[in-house]
Amino acid sequence: MLATLPVDTQELFWRLLFEQPSHPADRTFHPVGSTKWELFDLISSDEVTKVLSRMKKGAPGPDGRKLKDVRALPPNQLAGHFNLWLLAGYLPSNLQQGETVLLPKEEGAGAPEKFRPITISDIVVRCFHRILAQ
C-alpha cells in the first residue's frame, strides 16, 4: 500500500524546495575531446523505428497517449518533427509539460522528505530524448 500524506503537508514542503532559485554554475568549462559533429546529423525514420521498438510500455504522459498510439504514427513524420525541434532549439510548448508524482522512498513513509518526485513527460518526448541520448 502506498503511503499518503495530506496534500497541504506535501505542498508546503515541496513548494519551498521547488521555488528556490537554482545555484549558478561557477565552474569553468574545459572541453575534454573533439567536437562531435555527427550530433548535428538529422534524425532518421529508422532511428525512430528502432527506439520505439525498444521502448517498454509505461505510464502515459500528461497528454494521455500510450506507446501503442505513438508507434502507430508514421516514423518519417515523427523524425520530421524531431528534426524541426532540433532546428528550433526547443520543444513545442505543449510538450514542455510533465506530470510529477511523489513516490515513497520507503514503506510507510510519513514525512514529505521520505518521498521522491518523479516527472513523467509525454511518450513522444521520451522517444525523442532516447534518440538524443544514443
C-alpha atoms as a PDB file:
ATOM      1  CA  MET A   1       0.000   0.000   0.000  1.00  0.00           C
ATOM      2  CA  LEU A   2       1.351   3.422  -0.935  1.00  0.00           C
ATOM      3  CA  ALA A   3       1.933   5.884   1.843  1.00  0.00           C
ATOM      4  CA  THR A   4      -0.078   9.062   1.650  1.00  0.00           C
ATOM      5  CA  LEU A   5       0.204  12.419   3.349  1.00  0.00           C
ATOM      6  CA  PRO A   6      -2.199  15.339   3.339  1.00  0.00           C
ATOM      7  CA  VAL A   7      -1.776  17.450   0.206  1.00  0.00           C
ATOM      8  CA  ASP A   8      -1.214  20.596   2.311  1.00  0.00           C
ATOM      9  CA  THR A   9       1.736  18.987   4.086  1.00  0.00           C
ATOM     10  CA  GLN A  10       3.299  17.789   0.832  1.00  0.00           C
ATOM     11  CA  GLU A  11       2.692  21.104  -0.945  1.00  0.00           C
ATOM     12  CA  LEU A  12       4.270  23.221   1.784  1.00  0.00           C
ATOM     13  CA  PHE A  13       7.410  21.070   1.851  1.00  0.00           C
ATOM     14  CA  TRP A  14       7.856  20.756  -1.931  1.00  0.00           C
ATOM     15  CA  ARG A  15       6.858  24.342  -2.781  1.00  0.00           C
ATOM     16  CA  LEU A  16       9.674  25.666  -0.584  1.00  0.00           C
ATOM     17  CA  LEU A  17      12.174  23.446  -2.419  1.00  0.00           C
ATOM     18  CA  PHE A  18      10.927  23.931  -5.977  1.00  0.00           C
ATOM     19  CA  GLU A  19      10.597  27.702  -5.712  1.00  0.00           C
ATOM     20  CA  GLN A  20      14.196  28.221  -4.632  1.00  0.00           C
ATOM     21  CA  PRO A  21      16.388  29.754  -7.346  1.00  0.00           C
ATOM     22  CA  SER A  22      18.973  27.432  -8.831  1.00  0.00           C
ATOM     23  CA  HIS A  23      22.544  27.885  -7.752  1.00  0.00           C
ATOM     24  CA  PRO A  24      24.561  29.463 -10.581  1.00  0.00           C
ATOM     25  CA  ALA A  25      27.230  27.270 -12.106  1.00  0.00           C
ATOM     26  CA  ASP A  26      30.549  28.914 -11.347  1.00  0.00           C
ATOM     27  CA  ARG A  27      32.690  26.225 -12.928  1.00  0.00           C
ATOM     28  CA  THR A  28      34.976  26.860 -15.846  1.00  0.00           C
ATOM     29  CA  PHE A  29      34.230  24.736 -18.881  1.00  0.00           C
ATOM     30  CA  HIS A  30      37.138  22.719 -20.267  1.00  0.00           C
ATOM     31  CA  PRO A  31      36.493  20.603 -23.400  1.00  0.00           C
ATOM     32  CA  VAL A  32      37.574  17.003 -22.888  1.00  0.00           C
ATOM     33  CA  GLY A  33      37.573  15.952 -26.522  1.00  0.00           C
ATOM     34  CA  SER A  34      36.876  16.989 -30.060  1.00  0.00           C
ATOM     35  CA  THR A  35      33.514  18.326 -31.231  1.00  0.00           C
ATOM     36  CA  LYS A  36      31.161  15.512 -32.191  1.00  0.00           C
ATOM     37  CA  TRP A  37      29.730  16.970 -35.376  1.00  0.00           C
ATOM     38  CA  GLU A  38      27.711  13.812 -36.051  1.00  0.00           C
ATOM     39  CA  LEU A  39      25.317  15.009 -33.344  1.00  0.00           C
ATOM     40  CA  PHE A  40      24.085  17.516 -35.919  1.00  0.00           C
ATOM     41  CA  ASP A  41      23.010  14.757 -38.307  1.00  0.00           C
ATOM     42  CA  LEU A  42      19.307  14.547 -38.988  1.00  0.00           C
ATOM     43  CA  ILE A  43      17.246  12.030 -37.055  1.00  0.00           C
ATOM     44  CA  SER A  44      16.152   9.292 -39.430  1.00  0.00           C
ATOM     45  CA  SER A  45      12.896   7.366 -39.516  1.00  0.00           C
ATOM     46  CA  ASP A  46      14.987   4.202 -38.951  1.00  0.00           C
ATOM     47  CA  GLU A  47      16.255   5.653 -35.650  1.00  0.00           C
ATOM     48  CA  VAL A  48      12.680   6.449 -34.621  1.00  0.00           C
ATOM     49  CA  THR A  49      11.505   2.928 -35.506  1.00  0.00           C
ATOM     50  CA  LYS A  50      14.408   1.316 -33.626  1.00  0.00           C
ATOM     51  CA  VAL A  51      13.898   3.384 -30.470  1.00  0.00           C
ATOM     52  CA  LEU A  52      10.124   2.875 -30.453  1.00  0.00           C
ATOM     53  CA  SER A  53      10.564  -0.897 -30.834  1.00  0.00           C
ATOM     54  CA  ARG A  54      12.867  -0.971 -27.775  1.00  0.00           C
ATOM     55  CA  MET A  55      10.668   1.192 -25.554  1.00  0.00           C
ATOM     56  CA  LYS A  56       8.688  -0.628 -22.889  1.00  0.00           C
ATOM     57  CA  LYS A  57       5.075   0.055 -22.118  1.00  0.00           C
ATOM     58  CA  GLY A  58       4.975   2.717 -19.411  1.00  0.00           C
ATOM     59  CA  ALA A  59       2.717   5.291 -17.907  1.00  0.00           C
ATOM     60  CA  PRO A  60       1.217   7.721 -20.387  1.00  0.00           C
ATOM     61  CA  GLY A  61       2.285  11.317 -20.016  1.00  0.00           C
ATOM     62  CA  PRO A  62       0.081  14.364 -19.472  1.00  0.00           C
ATOM     63  CA  ASP A  63      -1.365  14.048 -22.993  1.00  0.00           C
ATOM     64  CA  GLY A  64      -2.719  10.561 -22.224  1.00  0.00           C
ATOM     65  CA  ARG A  65      -1.050   8.947 -25.258  1.00  0.00           C
ATOM     66  CA  LYS A  66       0.173   5.399 -24.834  1.00  0.00           C
ATOM     67  CA  LEU A  67       3.183   3.810 -26.500  1.00  0.00           C
ATOM     68  CA  LYS A  68       0.926   1.977 -28.976  1.00  0.00           C
ATOM     69  CA  ASP A  69      -0.508   5.359 -30.082  1.00  0.00           C
ATOM     70  CA  VAL A  70       2.961   6.739 -30.821  1.00  0.00           C
ATOM     71  CA  ARG A  71       4.034   3.528 -32.560  1.00  0.00           C
ATOM     72  CA  ALA A  72       1.024   3.960 -34.877  1.00  0.00           C
ATOM     73  CA  LEU A  73       2.363   7.323 -36.109  1.00  0.00           C
ATOM     74  CA  PRO A  74       4.427   7.306 -39.324  1.00  0.00           C
ATOM     75  CA  PRO A  75       8.135   7.206 -38.300  1.00  0.00           C
ATOM     76  CA  ASN A  76       9.100   9.643 -41.063  1.00  0.00           C
ATOM     77  CA  GLN A  77       6.666  12.234 -39.683  1.00  0.00           C
ATOM     78  CA  LEU A  78       7.986  11.783 -36.149  1.00  0.00           C
ATOM     79  CA  ALA A  79      11.548  12.136 -37.447  1.00  0.00           C
ATOM     80  CA  GLY A  80      10.495  15.315 -39.277  1.00  0.00           C
ATOM     81  CA  HIS A  81       9.064  16.805 -36.093  1.00  0.00           C
ATOM     82  CA  PHE A  82      12.130  15.799 -34.088  1.00  0.00           C
ATOM     83  CA  ASN A  83      14.402  17.476 -36.630  1.00  0.00           C
ATOM     84  CA  LEU A  84      12.318  20.653 -36.521  1.00  0.00           C
ATOM     85  CA  TRP A  85      12.632  20.683 -32.728  1.00  0.00           C
ATOM     86  CA  LEU A  86      16.400  20.358 -33.058  1.00  0.00           C
ATOM     87  CA  LEU A  87      16.499  23.188 -35.584  1.00  0.00           C
ATOM     88  CA  ALA A  88      14.286  25.409 -33.407  1.00  0.00           C
ATOM     89  CA  GLY A  89      16.295  24.549 -30.302  1.00  0.00           C
ATOM     90  CA  TYR A  90      13.292  23.751 -28.126  1.00  0.00           C
ATOM     91  CA  LEU A  91      10.221  21.544 -27.833  1.00  0.00           C
ATOM     92  CA  PRO A  92       6.744  22.854 -28.643  1.00  0.00           C
ATOM     93  CA  SER A  93       5.260  24.438 -25.526  1.00  0.00           C
ATOM     94  CA  ASN A  94       2.563  21.770 -25.128  1.00  0.00           C
ATOM     95  CA  LEU A  95       5.319  19.131 -24.858  1.00  0.00           C
ATOM     96  CA  GLN A  96       7.264  21.036 -22.214  1.00  0.00           C
ATOM     97  CA  GLN A  97       4.792  19.960 -19.545  1.00  0.00           C
ATOM     98  CA  GLY A  98       5.267  16.987 -17.283  1.00  0.00           C
ATOM     99  CA  GLU A  99       3.272  15.292 -14.593  1.00  0.00           C
ATOM    100  CA  THR A 100       5.078  14.991 -11.270  1.00  0.00           C
ATOM    101  CA  VAL A 101       4.133  12.289  -8.810  1.00  0.00           C
ATOM    102  CA  LEU A 102       5.606  11.668  -5.376  1.00  0.00           C
ATOM    103  CA  LEU A 103       6.765   8.120  -4.741  1.00  0.00           C
ATOM    104  CA  PRO A 104       7.572   6.906  -1.236  1.00  0.00           C
ATOM    105  CA  LYS A 105      11.246   6.059  -0.711  1.00  0.00           C
ATOM    106  CA  GLU A 106      10.331   3.524   1.955  1.00  0.00           C
ATOM    107  CA  GLU A 107       7.270   1.629   3.089  1.00  0.00           C
ATOM    108  CA  GLY A 108       5.042   3.661   5.404  1.00  0.00           C
ATOM    109  CA  ALA A 109       6.738   6.957   4.583  1.00  0.00           C
ATOM    110  CA  GLY A 110       5.250   9.505   6.964  1.00  0.00           C
ATOM    111  CA  ALA A 111       7.058  12.731   6.078  1.00  0.00           C
ATOM    112  CA  PRO A 112       7.359  14.664   2.807  1.00  0.00           C
ATOM    113  CA  GLU A 113      11.140  14.198   2.667  1.00  0.00           C
ATOM    114  CA  LYS A 114      10.550  10.438   2.572  1.00  0.00           C
ATOM    115  CA  PHE A 115       9.065  10.818  -0.921  1.00  0.00           C
ATOM    116  CA  ARG A 116      10.841  11.493  -4.195  1.00  0.00           C
ATOM    117  CA  PRO A 117       9.385  13.417  -7.092  1.00  0.00           C
ATOM    118  CA  ILE A 118       9.314  11.731 -10.495  1.00  0.00           C
ATOM    119  CA  THR A 119       8.227  13.775 -13.506  1.00  0.00           C
ATOM    120  CA  ILE A 120       6.683  11.925 -16.429  1.00  0.00           C
ATOM    121  CA  SER A 121       6.755  13.503 -19.881  1.00  0.00           C
ATOM    122  CA  ASP A 122       4.720  12.521 -22.931  1.00  0.00           C
ATOM    123  CA  ILE A 123       5.757   9.278 -24.668  1.00  0.00           C
ATOM    124  CA  VAL A 124       6.779  11.141 -27.824  1.00  0.00           C
ATOM    125  CA  VAL A 125       9.168  13.312 -25.776  1.00  0.00           C
ATOM    126  CA  ARG A 126      10.632  10.208 -24.130  1.00  0.00           C
ATOM    127  CA  CYS A 127      11.254   8.754 -27.588  1.00  0.00           C
ATOM    128  CA  PHE A 128      12.956  11.993 -28.707  1.00  0.00           C
ATOM    129  CA  HIS A 129      15.165  12.040 -25.605  1.00  0.00           C
ATOM    130  CA  ARG A 130      16.200   8.407 -26.121  1.00  0.00           C
ATOM    131  CA  ILE A 131      17.270   9.174 -29.677  1.00  0.00           C
ATOM    132  CA  LEU A 132      19.320  12.132 -28.455  1.00  0.00           C
ATOM    133  CA  ALA A 133      20.888  10.012 -25.715  1.00  0.00           C
ATOM    134  CA  GLN A 134      22.017   7.430 -28.264  1.00  0.00           C
END
